[in-house]
Amino acid sequence: MEHSPYDFVQHVSEKELCQLQDRSIHRTFTGEDFREFILHLKKIYALHESMEELFLMRENEDNFYHSLERFRSSFLENSPHRSQKHVSSTYKNSSAKRLMMFLRWMVRRDRKGVDFGIWDRLSPKFLSVPLDVHTGNIARQLMILTRTQNDWKAVSEMDSVLRTFNSDDPALYDFALFGIGVSKDF
């Protein structure tokens, strides 16, 4: 992509797509999956100036539960391809960790350059901590979370506590929970 992913998606050739298909990307994400993702992104950018539009929340929504599913539906467009397993469904009770992480990067602004904050139509107050084994385990030890599964119900439970600490940016606690969980230094 030569450090220009947007430009690559917009102008990728069929030859480049074929080369992607044969590459090994990750143990669960194949070159074929990557090719499908590029094609889905190309389709989205043909219809929308920014992916931010797909995550916009509607009236009476207080978190990204529904908008994540709307994004997923638009992105995959009922594609039967195996790549759909890489885009979590909150409607199937997934914590949607990767999508929440992506939203955190795009919505939050920080001084350290970790979160880009390039989208301005979404508010950090609706973000949730990306829930994984590390953040979940530490949240349980701190009694922020009682649910044993790392699913969307657990995200909601954790949100209800973290929003009392910081209603403007509950995802602020992601680094602390994750860092302690990874270091196992609790």
N, C-alpha and C. Protein backbone atom coordinates (compact mmCIF):
# COMPACT_ATOMS: atom_id res chain seq x y z
N MET A 1 0.82 -1.20 0.00
CA MET A 1 0.00 0.00 0.00
C MET A 1 0.86 1.26 0.00
N GLU A 2 2.15 1.08 0.20
CA GLU A 2 3.12 2.17 0.16
C GLU A 2 2.72 3.36 1.03
N HIS A 3 2.25 3.07 2.25
CA HIS A 3 1.89 4.09 3.25
C HIS A 3 0.73 4.97 2.81
N SER A 4 -0.06 4.52 1.85
CA SER A 4 -1.23 5.28 1.37
C SER A 4 -2.40 4.32 1.19
N PRO A 5 -2.95 3.82 2.30
CA PRO A 5 -4.00 2.81 2.18
C PRO A 5 -5.25 3.29 1.45
N TYR A 6 -5.68 4.53 1.70
CA TYR A 6 -6.87 5.05 1.03
C TYR A 6 -6.65 5.09 -0.48
N ASP A 7 -5.52 5.62 -0.90
CA ASP A 7 -5.20 5.69 -2.32
C ASP A 7 -5.11 4.29 -2.93
N PHE A 8 -4.53 3.37 -2.18
CA PHE A 8 -4.43 1.99 -2.66
C PHE A 8 -5.81 1.41 -2.90
N VAL A 9 -6.70 1.55 -1.92
CA VAL A 9 -8.06 1.02 -2.05
C VAL A 9 -8.76 1.63 -3.25
N GLN A 10 -8.59 2.92 -3.44
CA GLN A 10 -9.27 3.62 -4.54
C GLN A 10 -8.76 3.18 -5.92
N HIS A 11 -7.48 2.83 -6.00
CA HIS A 11 -6.88 2.60 -7.32
C HIS A 11 -6.28 1.20 -7.51
N VAL A 12 -6.62 0.28 -6.64
CA VAL A 12 -6.05 -1.06 -6.74
C VAL A 12 -6.41 -1.72 -8.08
N SER A 13 -5.45 -2.39 -8.66
CA SER A 13 -5.69 -3.06 -9.94
C SER A 13 -6.05 -4.52 -9.69
N GLU A 14 -6.60 -5.14 -10.69
CA GLU A 14 -6.95 -6.56 -10.58
C GLU A 14 -5.69 -7.40 -10.38
N LYS A 15 -4.60 -7.00 -11.01
CA LYS A 15 -3.33 -7.70 -10.84
C LYS A 15 -2.88 -7.64 -9.38
N GLU A 16 -2.97 -6.46 -8.76
CA GLU A 16 -2.59 -6.32 -7.35
C GLU A 16 -3.51 -7.15 -6.44
N LEU A 17 -4.79 -7.18 -6.78
CA LEU A 17 -5.73 -7.99 -5.99
C LEU A 17 -5.39 -9.48 -6.09
N CYS A 18 -5.00 -9.92 -7.26
CA CYS A 18 -4.61 -11.32 -7.43
C CYS A 18 -3.34 -11.63 -6.62
N GLN A 19 -2.40 -10.69 -6.59
CA GLN A 19 -1.19 -10.89 -5.79
C GLN A 19 -1.49 -10.95 -4.31
N LEU A 20 -2.45 -10.17 -3.86
CA LEU A 20 -2.86 -10.19 -2.45
C LEU A 20 -3.42 -11.54 -2.06
N GLN A 21 -4.19 -12.11 -2.95
CA GLN A 21 -4.92 -13.34 -2.68
C GLN A 21 -3.99 -14.49 -2.28
N ASP A 22 -2.79 -14.49 -2.81
CA ASP A 22 -1.88 -15.60 -2.56
C ASP A 22 -0.95 -15.38 -1.37
N ARG A 23 -1.04 -14.23 -0.71
CA ARG A 23 -0.15 -13.92 0.41
C ARG A 23 -0.69 -14.47 1.73
N SER A 24 0.24 -14.77 2.60
CA SER A 24 -0.12 -15.14 3.96
C SER A 24 -0.09 -13.86 4.79
N ILE A 25 -1.20 -13.52 5.41
CA ILE A 25 -1.31 -12.28 6.17
C ILE A 25 -1.18 -12.55 7.67
N HIS A 26 -1.97 -13.45 8.16
CA HIS A 26 -2.03 -13.77 9.59
C HIS A 26 -2.60 -15.17 9.70
N ARG A 27 -2.46 -15.78 10.85
CA ARG A 27 -2.91 -17.17 10.98
C ARG A 27 -4.41 -17.33 10.73
N THR A 28 -5.21 -16.29 11.01
CA THR A 28 -6.66 -16.41 10.77
C THR A 28 -7.16 -15.49 9.67
N PHE A 29 -6.30 -14.64 9.15
CA PHE A 29 -6.69 -13.66 8.13
C PHE A 29 -5.83 -13.90 6.90
N THR A 30 -6.43 -14.49 5.89
CA THR A 30 -5.69 -14.90 4.70
C THR A 30 -5.59 -13.76 3.68
N GLY A 31 -4.76 -13.98 2.68
CA GLY A 31 -4.67 -13.03 1.58
C GLY A 31 -6.01 -12.89 0.87
N GLU A 32 -6.74 -13.98 0.77
CA GLU A 32 -8.07 -13.94 0.15
C GLU A 32 -9.02 -13.06 0.98
N ASP A 33 -8.92 -13.17 2.31
CA ASP A 33 -9.73 -12.31 3.19
C ASP A 33 -9.36 -10.84 2.97
N PHE A 34 -8.07 -10.58 2.88
CA PHE A 34 -7.59 -9.20 2.68
C PHE A 34 -8.12 -8.65 1.36
N ARG A 35 -8.08 -9.47 0.32
CA ARG A 35 -8.60 -9.06 -0.99
C ARG A 35 -10.07 -8.67 -0.87
N GLU A 36 -10.85 -9.48 -0.17
CA GLU A 36 -12.27 -9.19 0.02
C GLU A 36 -12.47 -7.89 0.80
N PHE A 37 -11.65 -7.67 1.81
CA PHE A 37 -11.74 -6.43 2.58
C PHE A 37 -11.47 -5.23 1.68
N ILE A 38 -10.45 -5.32 0.85
CA ILE A 38 -10.12 -4.22 -0.06
C ILE A 38 -11.30 -3.94 -1.00
N LEU A 39 -11.90 -5.00 -1.53
CA LEU A 39 -13.05 -4.83 -2.43
C LEU A 39 -14.24 -4.20 -1.70
N HIS A 40 -14.48 -4.63 -0.46
CA HIS A 40 -15.59 -4.05 0.32
C HIS A 40 -15.31 -2.58 0.63
N LEU A 41 -14.07 -2.25 0.96
CA LEU A 41 -13.72 -0.85 1.22
C LEU A 41 -13.86 0.00 -0.04
N LYS A 42 -13.44 -0.56 -1.16
CA LYS A 42 -13.56 0.15 -2.44
C LYS A 42 -15.03 0.48 -2.73
N LYS A 43 -15.90 -0.48 -2.44
CA LYS A 43 -17.34 -0.28 -2.64
C LYS A 43 -17.86 0.82 -1.72
N ILE A 44 -17.45 0.78 -0.47
CA ILE A 44 -17.90 1.80 0.50
C ILE A 44 -17.44 3.18 0.07
N TYR A 45 -16.18 3.32 -0.35
CA TYR A 45 -15.68 4.63 -0.73
C TYR A 45 -16.25 5.11 -2.07
N ALA A 46 -16.81 4.23 -2.85
CA ALA A 46 -17.51 4.65 -4.06
C ALA A 46 -18.86 5.29 -3.68
N LEU A 47 -19.40 4.89 -2.53
CA LEU A 47 -20.71 5.39 -2.10
C LEU A 47 -20.64 6.48 -1.03
N HIS A 48 -19.54 6.53 -0.28
CA HIS A 48 -19.43 7.44 0.86
C HIS A 48 -18.07 8.14 0.84
N GLU A 49 -18.09 9.39 1.20
CA GLU A 49 -16.83 10.14 1.29
C GLU A 49 -15.95 9.62 2.42
N SER A 50 -16.59 9.18 3.50
CA SER A 50 -15.86 8.69 4.66
C SER A 50 -16.62 7.51 5.27
N MET A 51 -15.88 6.59 5.87
CA MET A 51 -16.52 5.48 6.59
C MET A 51 -17.25 5.99 7.82
N GLU A 52 -16.90 7.17 8.29
CA GLU A 52 -17.56 7.73 9.47
C GLU A 52 -19.07 7.74 9.30
N GLU A 53 -19.53 8.01 8.09
CA GLU A 53 -20.97 8.05 7.82
C GLU A 53 -21.67 6.76 8.22
N LEU A 54 -20.97 5.65 8.08
CA LEU A 54 -21.57 4.35 8.38
C LEU A 54 -21.70 4.08 9.87
N PHE A 55 -20.98 4.83 10.68
CA PHE A 55 -21.02 4.64 12.13
C PHE A 55 -21.87 5.67 12.85
N LEU A 56 -22.44 6.62 12.11
CA LEU A 56 -23.23 7.67 12.76
C LEU A 56 -24.38 7.05 13.54
N MET A 57 -24.60 7.61 14.71
CA MET A 57 -25.63 7.08 15.58
C MET A 57 -26.96 7.78 15.28
N ARG A 58 -28.01 7.11 15.66
CA ARG A 58 -29.35 7.66 15.46
C ARG A 58 -29.93 8.11 16.79
N GLU A 59 -31.03 8.82 16.67
CA GLU A 59 -31.70 9.34 17.86
C GLU A 59 -31.97 8.22 18.88
N ASN A 60 -31.78 8.54 20.13
CA ASN A 60 -32.02 7.64 21.27
C ASN A 60 -31.02 6.50 21.39
N GLU A 61 -29.94 6.53 20.64
CA GLU A 61 -28.88 5.53 20.81
C GLU A 61 -27.83 6.10 21.76
N ASP A 62 -27.41 5.30 22.74
CA ASP A 62 -26.46 5.81 23.73
C ASP A 62 -25.12 5.07 23.71
N ASN A 63 -24.94 4.20 22.71
CA ASN A 63 -23.65 3.55 22.47
C ASN A 63 -23.64 3.09 21.01
N PHE A 64 -22.57 2.42 20.61
CA PHE A 64 -22.42 2.05 19.20
C PHE A 64 -23.02 0.69 18.83
N TYR A 65 -23.80 0.11 19.70
CA TYR A 65 -24.37 -1.22 19.47
C TYR A 65 -25.03 -1.32 18.09
N HIS A 66 -25.96 -0.44 17.78
CA HIS A 66 -26.69 -0.52 16.50
C HIS A 66 -25.83 -0.03 15.33
N SER A 67 -25.05 1.01 15.55
CA SER A 67 -24.26 1.54 14.43
C SER A 67 -23.18 0.55 14.00
N LEU A 68 -22.64 -0.22 14.94
CA LEU A 68 -21.66 -1.25 14.57
C LEU A 68 -22.31 -2.29 13.66
N GLU A 69 -23.54 -2.65 13.96
CA GLU A 69 -24.23 -3.63 13.12
C GLU A 69 -24.60 -3.03 11.76
N ARG A 70 -24.98 -1.74 11.75
CA ARG A 70 -25.27 -1.09 10.46
C ARG A 70 -24.01 -1.04 9.61
N PHE A 71 -22.87 -0.72 10.23
CA PHE A 71 -21.61 -0.73 9.48
C PHE A 71 -21.33 -2.12 8.93
N ARG A 72 -21.47 -3.13 9.77
CA ARG A 72 -21.20 -4.51 9.36
C ARG A 72 -22.06 -4.90 8.15
N SER A 73 -23.34 -4.58 8.23
CA SER A 73 -24.26 -4.92 7.13
C SER A 73 -23.87 -4.21 5.85
N SER A 74 -23.52 -2.95 5.96
CA SER A 74 -23.13 -2.19 4.78
C SER A 74 -21.79 -2.69 4.22
N PHE A 75 -20.86 -2.96 5.09
CA PHE A 75 -19.54 -3.41 4.67
C PHE A 75 -19.61 -4.77 3.98
N LEU A 76 -20.30 -5.71 4.60
CA LEU A 76 -20.33 -7.07 4.05
C LEU A 76 -21.40 -7.28 3.00
N GLU A 77 -22.47 -6.51 3.07
CA GLU A 77 -23.57 -6.59 2.11
C GLU A 77 -23.97 -8.05 1.83
N ASN A 78 -24.17 -8.81 2.92
CA ASN A 78 -24.58 -10.21 2.84
C ASN A 78 -23.62 -11.08 2.03
N SER A 79 -22.36 -10.72 2.06
CA SER A 79 -21.34 -11.49 1.34
C SER A 79 -21.20 -12.88 1.94
N PRO A 80 -21.25 -13.91 1.12
CA PRO A 80 -21.07 -15.26 1.65
C PRO A 80 -19.60 -15.62 1.91
N HIS A 81 -18.70 -14.70 1.64
CA HIS A 81 -17.28 -14.97 1.77
C HIS A 81 -16.86 -15.18 3.22
N ARG A 82 -15.84 -15.99 3.44
CA ARG A 82 -15.36 -16.31 4.78
C ARG A 82 -14.83 -15.09 5.55
N SER A 83 -14.55 -14.00 4.84
CA SER A 83 -14.03 -12.80 5.50
C SER A 83 -15.04 -12.18 6.47
N GLN A 84 -16.30 -12.54 6.33
CA GLN A 84 -17.32 -11.95 7.22
C GLN A 84 -17.08 -12.32 8.69
N LYS A 85 -16.37 -13.41 8.94
CA LYS A 85 -16.10 -13.80 10.32
C LYS A 85 -15.17 -12.81 11.02
N HIS A 86 -14.50 -11.95 10.27
CA HIS A 86 -13.58 -10.98 10.84
C HIS A 86 -14.26 -9.67 11.23
N VAL A 87 -15.54 -9.54 10.92
CA VAL A 87 -16.28 -8.33 11.27
C VAL A 87 -17.39 -8.75 12.23
N SER A 88 -17.17 -8.48 13.49
CA SER A 88 -18.06 -8.97 14.55
C SER A 88 -19.45 -8.38 14.47
N SER A 89 -20.40 -9.15 14.99
CA SER A 89 -21.79 -8.71 15.03
C SER A 89 -22.24 -8.51 16.48
N THR A 90 -22.54 -7.27 16.82
CA THR A 90 -23.08 -7.00 18.15
C THR A 90 -24.45 -7.65 18.32
N TYR A 91 -25.16 -7.84 17.22
CA TYR A 91 -26.48 -8.48 17.30
C TYR A 91 -26.36 -9.97 17.63
N LYS A 92 -25.15 -10.52 17.49
CA LYS A 92 -24.89 -11.90 17.91
C LYS A 92 -24.14 -11.89 19.25
N ASN A 93 -24.21 -10.77 19.95
CA ASN A 93 -23.66 -10.58 21.30
C ASN A 93 -22.13 -10.52 21.33
N SER A 94 -21.50 -10.19 20.22
CA SER A 94 -20.05 -10.04 20.21
C SER A 94 -19.66 -8.73 20.90
N SER A 95 -18.52 -8.73 21.57
CA SER A 95 -18.01 -7.49 22.17
C SER A 95 -17.48 -6.54 21.09
N ALA A 96 -17.27 -7.03 19.89
CA ALA A 96 -16.80 -6.24 18.75
C ALA A 96 -15.52 -5.48 19.08
N LYS A 97 -14.59 -6.17 19.71
CA LYS A 97 -13.35 -5.56 20.18
C LYS A 97 -12.60 -4.80 19.09
N ARG A 98 -12.42 -5.41 17.93
CA ARG A 98 -11.64 -4.75 16.87
C ARG A 98 -12.35 -3.49 16.35
N LEU A 99 -13.66 -3.58 16.20
CA LEU A 99 -14.39 -2.41 15.72
C LEU A 99 -14.40 -1.30 16.77
N MET A 100 -14.51 -1.66 18.04
CA MET A 100 -14.45 -0.65 19.10
C MET A 100 -13.07 0.00 19.16
N MET A 101 -12.03 -0.80 18.95
CA MET A 101 -10.67 -0.26 18.90
C MET A 101 -10.54 0.72 17.73
N PHE A 102 -11.05 0.34 16.58
CA PHE A 102 -11.02 1.20 15.41
C PHE A 102 -11.75 2.52 15.69
N LEU A 103 -12.93 2.42 16.29
CA LEU A 103 -13.67 3.64 16.62
C LEU A 103 -12.89 4.51 17.60
N ARG A 104 -12.27 3.87 18.58
CA ARG A 104 -11.47 4.64 19.54
C ARG A 104 -10.39 5.43 18.83
N TRP A 105 -9.67 4.79 17.92
CA TRP A 105 -8.61 5.47 17.17
C TRP A 105 -9.14 6.65 16.36
N MET A 106 -10.29 6.45 15.75
CA MET A 106 -10.82 7.44 14.82
C MET A 106 -11.55 8.59 15.51
N VAL A 107 -12.10 8.34 16.70
CA VAL A 107 -12.94 9.33 17.38
C VAL A 107 -12.19 10.09 18.48
N ARG A 108 -11.44 9.38 19.31
CA ARG A 108 -10.74 10.03 20.43
C ARG A 108 -9.55 10.84 19.92
N ARG A 109 -9.28 11.93 20.58
CA ARG A 109 -8.08 12.73 20.30
C ARG A 109 -7.21 12.68 21.54
N ASP A 110 -5.95 12.36 21.36
CA ASP A 110 -5.04 12.41 22.50
C ASP A 110 -3.75 13.12 22.09
N ARG A 111 -2.98 13.48 23.07
CA ARG A 111 -1.74 14.22 22.81
C ARG A 111 -0.57 13.31 22.49
N LYS A 112 -0.75 12.02 22.67
CA LYS A 112 0.35 11.08 22.46
C LYS A 112 0.35 10.49 21.04
N GLY A 113 -0.68 10.75 20.26
CA GLY A 113 -0.73 10.28 18.88
C GLY A 113 -1.18 8.85 18.71
N VAL A 114 -1.72 8.24 19.78
CA VAL A 114 -2.23 6.87 19.66
C VAL A 114 -3.60 6.90 19.00
N ASP A 115 -4.45 7.77 19.50
CA ASP A 115 -5.79 7.94 18.92
C ASP A 115 -5.76 9.14 17.99
N PHE A 116 -6.12 8.90 16.74
CA PHE A 116 -5.98 9.93 15.70
C PHE A 116 -7.00 11.05 15.83
N GLY A 117 -8.23 10.70 16.22
CA GLY A 117 -9.28 11.70 16.37
C GLY A 117 -9.59 12.45 15.09
N ILE A 118 -9.59 11.76 13.96
CA ILE A 118 -9.82 12.47 12.70
C ILE A 118 -11.30 12.57 12.32
N TRP A 119 -12.14 11.81 12.99
CA TRP A 119 -13.58 11.93 12.75
C TRP A 119 -14.16 12.90 13.77
N ASP A 120 -15.00 13.81 13.30
CA ASP A 120 -15.53 14.81 14.23
C ASP A 120 -17.05 14.77 14.39
N ARG A 121 -17.71 13.84 13.74
CA ARG A 121 -19.17 13.76 13.88
C ARG A 121 -19.61 12.71 14.90
N LEU A 122 -18.65 12.02 15.50
CA LEU A 122 -18.94 11.04 16.54
C LEU A 122 -18.30 11.51 17.84
N SER A 123 -18.99 11.29 18.93
CA SER A 123 -18.50 11.76 20.22
C SER A 123 -17.84 10.63 21.01
N PRO A 124 -16.73 10.93 21.69
CA PRO A 124 -16.08 9.92 22.54
C PRO A 124 -16.99 9.45 23.69
N LYS A 125 -18.01 10.22 24.02
CA LYS A 125 -18.88 9.82 25.14
C LYS A 125 -19.65 8.53 24.84
N PHE A 126 -19.73 8.14 23.57
CA PHE A 126 -20.44 6.92 23.21
C PHE A 126 -19.51 5.71 23.06
N LEU A 127 -18.21 5.94 23.17
CA LEU A 127 -17.24 4.86 23.03
C LEU A 127 -17.30 3.92 24.23
N SER A 128 -16.85 2.70 24.00
CA SER A 128 -16.71 1.71 25.05
C SER A 128 -15.27 1.21 25.04
N VAL A 129 -14.80 0.72 26.16
CA VAL A 129 -13.48 0.10 26.20
C VAL A 129 -13.53 -1.17 25.34
N PRO A 130 -12.59 -1.34 24.41
CA PRO A 130 -12.54 -2.59 23.65
C PRO A 130 -12.32 -3.76 24.61
N LEU A 131 -13.30 -4.62 24.70
CA LEU A 131 -13.26 -5.70 25.69
C LEU A 131 -12.57 -6.93 25.13
N ASP A 132 -11.51 -7.33 25.82
CA ASP A 132 -10.81 -8.57 25.49
C ASP A 132 -10.47 -9.27 26.79
N VAL A 133 -9.69 -10.32 26.72
CA VAL A 133 -9.37 -11.10 27.91
C VAL A 133 -8.66 -10.24 28.95
N HIS A 134 -7.79 -9.33 28.51
CA HIS A 134 -7.01 -8.52 29.45
C HIS A 134 -7.88 -7.47 30.14
N THR A 135 -8.61 -6.69 29.36
CA THR A 135 -9.45 -5.66 29.97
C THR A 135 -10.55 -6.30 30.80
N GLY A 136 -11.08 -7.42 30.34
CA GLY A 136 -12.13 -8.12 31.08
C GLY A 136 -11.64 -8.64 32.42
N ASN A 137 -10.48 -9.28 32.42
CA ASN A 137 -9.95 -9.84 33.67
C ASN A 137 -9.68 -8.77 34.71
N ILE A 138 -9.08 -7.68 34.30
CA ILE A 138 -8.78 -6.61 35.25
C ILE A 138 -10.07 -5.93 35.71
N ALA A 139 -11.01 -5.72 34.80
CA ALA A 139 -12.30 -5.13 35.19
C ALA A 139 -13.01 -6.00 36.23
N ARG A 140 -12.87 -7.31 36.09
CA ARG A 140 -13.47 -8.21 37.09
C ARG A 140 -12.75 -8.09 38.44
N GLN A 141 -11.44 -8.02 38.40
CA GLN A 141 -10.68 -7.88 39.65
C GLN A 141 -10.99 -6.57 40.36
N LEU A 142 -11.30 -5.53 39.58
CA LEU A 142 -11.63 -4.23 40.15
C LEU A 142 -13.13 -4.12 40.47
N MET A 143 -13.86 -5.20 40.21
CA MET A 143 -15.31 -5.25 40.45
C MET A 143 -16.09 -4.24 39.60
N ILE A 144 -15.53 -3.93 38.45
CA ILE A 144 -16.21 -3.10 37.45
C ILE A 144 -17.12 -3.99 36.61
N LEU A 145 -16.80 -5.27 36.58
CA LEU A 145 -17.50 -6.24 35.74
C LEU A 145 -17.70 -7.52 36.52
N THR A 146 -18.94 -8.03 36.51
CA THR A 146 -19.23 -9.30 37.16
C THR A 146 -19.49 -10.41 36.15
N ARG A 147 -19.94 -10.05 34.97
CA ARG A 147 -20.24 -11.05 33.93
C ARG A 147 -18.96 -11.80 33.56
N THR A 148 -19.07 -13.12 33.41
CA THR A 148 -17.87 -13.93 33.14
C THR A 148 -17.53 -13.99 31.65
N GLN A 149 -18.49 -13.81 30.76
CA GLN A 149 -18.21 -13.85 29.32
C GLN A 149 -17.75 -12.47 28.85
N ASN A 150 -16.88 -12.48 27.84
CA ASN A 150 -16.46 -11.22 27.20
C ASN A 150 -17.32 -11.00 25.97
N ASP A 151 -18.54 -10.53 26.19
CA ASP A 151 -19.50 -10.33 25.11
C ASP A 151 -20.10 -8.93 25.22
N TRP A 152 -21.09 -8.62 24.38
CA TRP A 152 -21.66 -7.28 24.39
C TRP A 152 -22.37 -6.97 25.70
N LYS A 153 -22.96 -7.96 26.32
CA LYS A 153 -23.60 -7.72 27.63
C LYS A 153 -22.55 -7.28 28.65
N ALA A 154 -21.35 -7.83 28.58
CA ALA A 154 -20.26 -7.42 29.46
C ALA A 154 -19.81 -6.00 29.13
N VAL A 155 -19.75 -5.67 27.84
CA VAL A 155 -19.40 -4.30 27.43
C VAL A 155 -20.39 -3.32 28.06
N SER A 156 -21.67 -3.63 27.98
CA SER A 156 -22.71 -2.76 28.54
C SER A 156 -22.57 -2.63 30.05
N GLU A 157 -22.29 -3.75 30.71
CA GLU A 157 -22.12 -3.71 32.16
C GLU A 157 -20.92 -2.84 32.54
N MET A 158 -19.81 -3.03 31.84
CA MET A 158 -18.61 -2.25 32.12
C MET A 158 -18.86 -0.77 31.82
N ASP A 159 -19.57 -0.48 30.73
CA ASP A 159 -19.92 0.90 30.38
C ASP A 159 -20.68 1.59 31.49
N SER A 160 -21.63 0.88 32.08
CA SER A 160 -22.47 1.50 33.11
C SER A 160 -21.63 1.98 34.29
N VAL A 161 -20.53 1.30 34.58
CA VAL A 161 -19.64 1.73 35.67
C VAL A 161 -18.68 2.81 35.18
N LEU A 162 -18.01 2.57 34.05
CA LEU A 162 -16.99 3.51 33.57
C LEU A 162 -17.58 4.88 33.23
N ARG A 163 -18.82 4.90 32.77
CA ARG A 163 -19.46 6.18 32.45
C ARG A 163 -19.72 7.02 33.71
N THR A 164 -19.80 6.37 34.87
CA THR A 164 -19.94 7.15 36.11
C THR A 164 -18.61 7.82 36.48
N PHE A 165 -17.49 7.26 36.03
CA PHE A 165 -16.18 7.86 36.28
C PHE A 165 -15.91 9.00 35.31
N ASN A 166 -16.27 8.80 34.03
CA ASN A 166 -16.01 9.81 33.01
C ASN A 166 -17.05 9.66 31.91
N SER A 167 -18.12 10.42 32.00
CA SER A 167 -19.21 10.30 31.03
C SER A 167 -18.85 10.88 29.66
N ASP A 168 -17.83 11.73 29.61
CA ASP A 168 -17.43 12.33 28.33
C ASP A 168 -16.49 11.45 27.52
N ASP A 169 -15.81 10.49 28.18
CA ASP A 169 -14.84 9.66 27.48
C ASP A 169 -14.56 8.36 28.26
N PRO A 170 -15.53 7.46 28.32
CA PRO A 170 -15.33 6.23 29.09
C PRO A 170 -14.23 5.32 28.53
N ALA A 171 -13.86 5.48 27.27
CA ALA A 171 -12.80 4.65 26.68
C ALA A 171 -11.42 5.09 27.16
N LEU A 172 -11.36 6.17 27.89
CA LEU A 172 -10.12 6.65 28.46
C LEU A 172 -9.43 5.56 29.30
N TYR A 173 -10.20 4.67 29.88
CA TYR A 173 -9.67 3.66 30.78
C TYR A 173 -9.11 2.42 30.07
N ASP A 174 -9.18 2.40 28.77
CA ASP A 174 -8.71 1.25 28.00
C ASP A 174 -7.25 0.93 28.28
N PHE A 175 -6.36 1.92 28.18
CA PHE A 175 -4.93 1.66 28.37
C PHE A 175 -4.63 1.12 29.76
N ALA A 176 -5.26 1.69 30.76
CA ALA A 176 -5.00 1.25 32.14
C ALA A 176 -5.44 -0.20 32.31
N LEU A 177 -6.65 -0.52 31.89
CA LEU A 177 -7.15 -1.90 32.05
C LEU A 177 -6.33 -2.88 31.22
N PHE A 178 -6.06 -2.52 29.99
CA PHE A 178 -5.31 -3.42 29.10
C PHE A 178 -3.87 -3.58 29.59
N GLY A 179 -3.22 -2.47 29.92
CA GLY A 179 -1.82 -2.52 30.34
C GLY A 179 -1.61 -3.35 31.57
N ILE A 180 -2.45 -3.17 32.57
CA ILE A 180 -2.34 -3.99 33.79
C ILE A 180 -2.63 -5.44 33.47
N GLY A 181 -3.60 -5.68 32.60
CA GLY A 181 -3.94 -7.06 32.23
C GLY A 181 -2.82 -7.77 31.51
N VAL A 182 -2.14 -7.08 30.61
CA VAL A 182 -1.04 -7.69 29.86
C VAL A 182 0.17 -7.91 30.76
N SER A 183 0.47 -6.92 31.59
CA SER A 183 1.66 -7.03 32.44
C SER A 183 1.45 -8.01 33.61
N LYS A 184 0.19 -8.29 33.89
CA LYS A 184 -0.18 -9.17 35.02
C LYS A 184 0.42 -8.64 36.32
N ASP A 185 0.50 -7.33 36.40
CA ASP A 185 1.11 -6.67 37.55
C ASP A 185 0.05 -5.98 38.38
N PHE A 186 -0.95 -6.75 38.79
CA PHE A 186 -2.08 -6.18 39.53
C PHE A 186 -1.87 -6.39 41.02
